[in-house]
Amino acid sequence: MARRNRKLLVPEARQAMQQFKTEVMRKEGYNVNPNRPDDVKYEVAEELGITLKQGDNGDLKTEDAGHIGGRIGGSMVREMIRLAQEKLTKQ
């Protein structure tokens, strides 16, 4: 199966989104390299007991991939909601 190539609606936001991921995942207790924030998936996978290796992961179950991505994406969404609520209360 081909890997999805997700594109941001605003490509100029890529660096800011990577920085945001780094900050959020650090708050979650993960050791994130700011130059390679996507590598946090390996640490998350290890914590969940899922074997994830660099390169081809064709044998990775969809459910396992969802657990890894859900942990990362869920943390980012929760933080975005928290920031939005904080901004609304200041208005």
Protein backbone atom coordinates (compact mmCIF):
# COMPACT_ATOMS: atom_id res chain seq x y z
CA MET A 1 0.00 0.00 0.00
CA ALA A 2 1.35 3.43 -0.91
CA ARG A 3 2.20 5.88 1.82
CA ARG A 4 -0.06 8.90 2.02
CA ASN A 5 1.52 12.21 1.26
CA ARG A 6 -0.32 14.64 3.49
CA LYS A 7 -0.05 18.25 2.43
CA LEU A 8 -0.73 21.21 4.65
CA LEU A 9 -3.23 23.72 3.34
CA VAL A 10 -0.67 26.39 4.19
CA PRO A 11 2.75 24.91 3.32
CA GLU A 12 4.47 27.80 5.09
CA ALA A 13 3.05 26.45 8.37
CA ARG A 14 5.07 23.21 8.20
CA GLN A 15 7.92 24.45 10.39
CA ALA A 16 5.53 25.88 12.98
CA MET A 17 3.57 22.59 13.07
CA GLN A 18 6.78 20.61 13.56
CA GLN A 19 7.77 22.94 16.40
CA PHE A 20 4.29 22.57 17.92
CA LYS A 21 4.58 18.77 17.76
CA THR A 22 7.96 18.97 19.48
CA GLU A 23 6.59 21.14 22.30
CA VAL A 24 3.46 19.04 22.83
CA MET A 25 5.25 15.71 22.86
CA ARG A 26 7.89 17.05 25.25
CA LYS A 27 5.07 18.08 27.60
CA GLU A 28 3.82 14.50 27.30
CA GLY A 29 7.23 13.32 28.54
CA TYR A 30 8.84 12.20 25.30
CA ASN A 31 12.42 12.98 24.32
CA VAL A 32 11.94 14.76 20.99
CA ASN A 33 14.73 15.93 18.71
CA PRO A 34 13.57 19.38 17.47
CA ASN A 35 15.33 18.72 14.15
CA ARG A 36 13.44 15.43 13.67
CA PRO A 37 10.11 15.69 15.52
CA ASP A 38 8.53 12.92 13.42
CA ASP A 39 10.94 10.44 15.03
CA VAL A 40 8.89 10.64 18.24
CA LYS A 41 6.75 7.90 16.68
CA TYR A 42 9.48 5.37 17.44
CA GLU A 43 9.46 6.29 21.13
CA VAL A 44 5.66 6.17 21.24
CA ALA A 45 5.65 2.78 19.48
CA GLU A 46 8.18 1.40 21.95
CA GLU A 47 6.08 2.62 24.88
CA LEU A 48 3.03 0.91 23.39
CA GLY A 49 4.95 -2.31 22.78
CA ILE A 50 4.68 -2.00 19.00
CA THR A 51 7.62 -2.86 16.77
CA LEU A 52 8.29 0.07 14.47
CA LYS A 53 11.47 0.29 12.47
CA GLN A 54 12.87 2.88 10.13
CA GLY A 55 12.10 2.14 6.53
CA ASP A 56 9.56 -0.47 5.49
CA ASN A 57 6.90 -1.36 8.04
CA GLY A 58 4.69 -3.31 5.63
CA ASP A 59 3.95 -5.87 8.32
CA LEU A 60 2.62 -3.19 10.71
CA LYS A 61 -1.07 -3.67 11.49
CA THR A 62 -3.36 -0.76 10.71
CA GLU A 63 -4.61 -0.86 14.28
CA ASP A 64 -1.06 -0.49 15.64
CA ALA A 65 -0.32 2.40 13.30
CA GLY A 66 -3.52 4.04 14.52
CA HIS A 67 -2.47 3.65 18.13
CA ILE A 68 0.85 5.37 17.43
CA GLY A 69 -0.61 8.19 15.35
CA GLY A 70 -3.54 8.58 17.72
CA ARG A 71 -1.26 9.13 20.69
CA ILE A 72 0.64 11.85 18.85
CA GLY A 73 -2.28 13.48 17.03
CA GLY A 74 -4.57 13.23 20.05
CA SER A 75 -2.04 15.04 22.20
CA MET A 76 -1.71 17.79 19.61
CA VAL A 77 -5.48 18.22 19.26
CA ARG A 78 -5.97 18.36 23.06
CA GLU A 79 -3.33 21.08 23.27
CA MET A 80 -4.91 23.05 20.40
CA ILE A 81 -8.28 22.91 22.16
CA ARG A 82 -6.71 24.00 25.44
CA LEU A 83 -5.02 26.95 23.74
CA ALA A 84 -8.25 27.96 21.99
CA GLN A 85 -10.23 27.81 25.24
CA GLU A 86 -7.56 29.84 27.00
CA LYS A 87 -7.72 32.47 24.25
CA LEU A 88 -11.53 32.63 24.45
CA THR A 89 -11.51 33.15 28.21
CA LYS A 90 -9.15 36.12 27.80
CA GLN A 91 -11.56 37.90 25.45
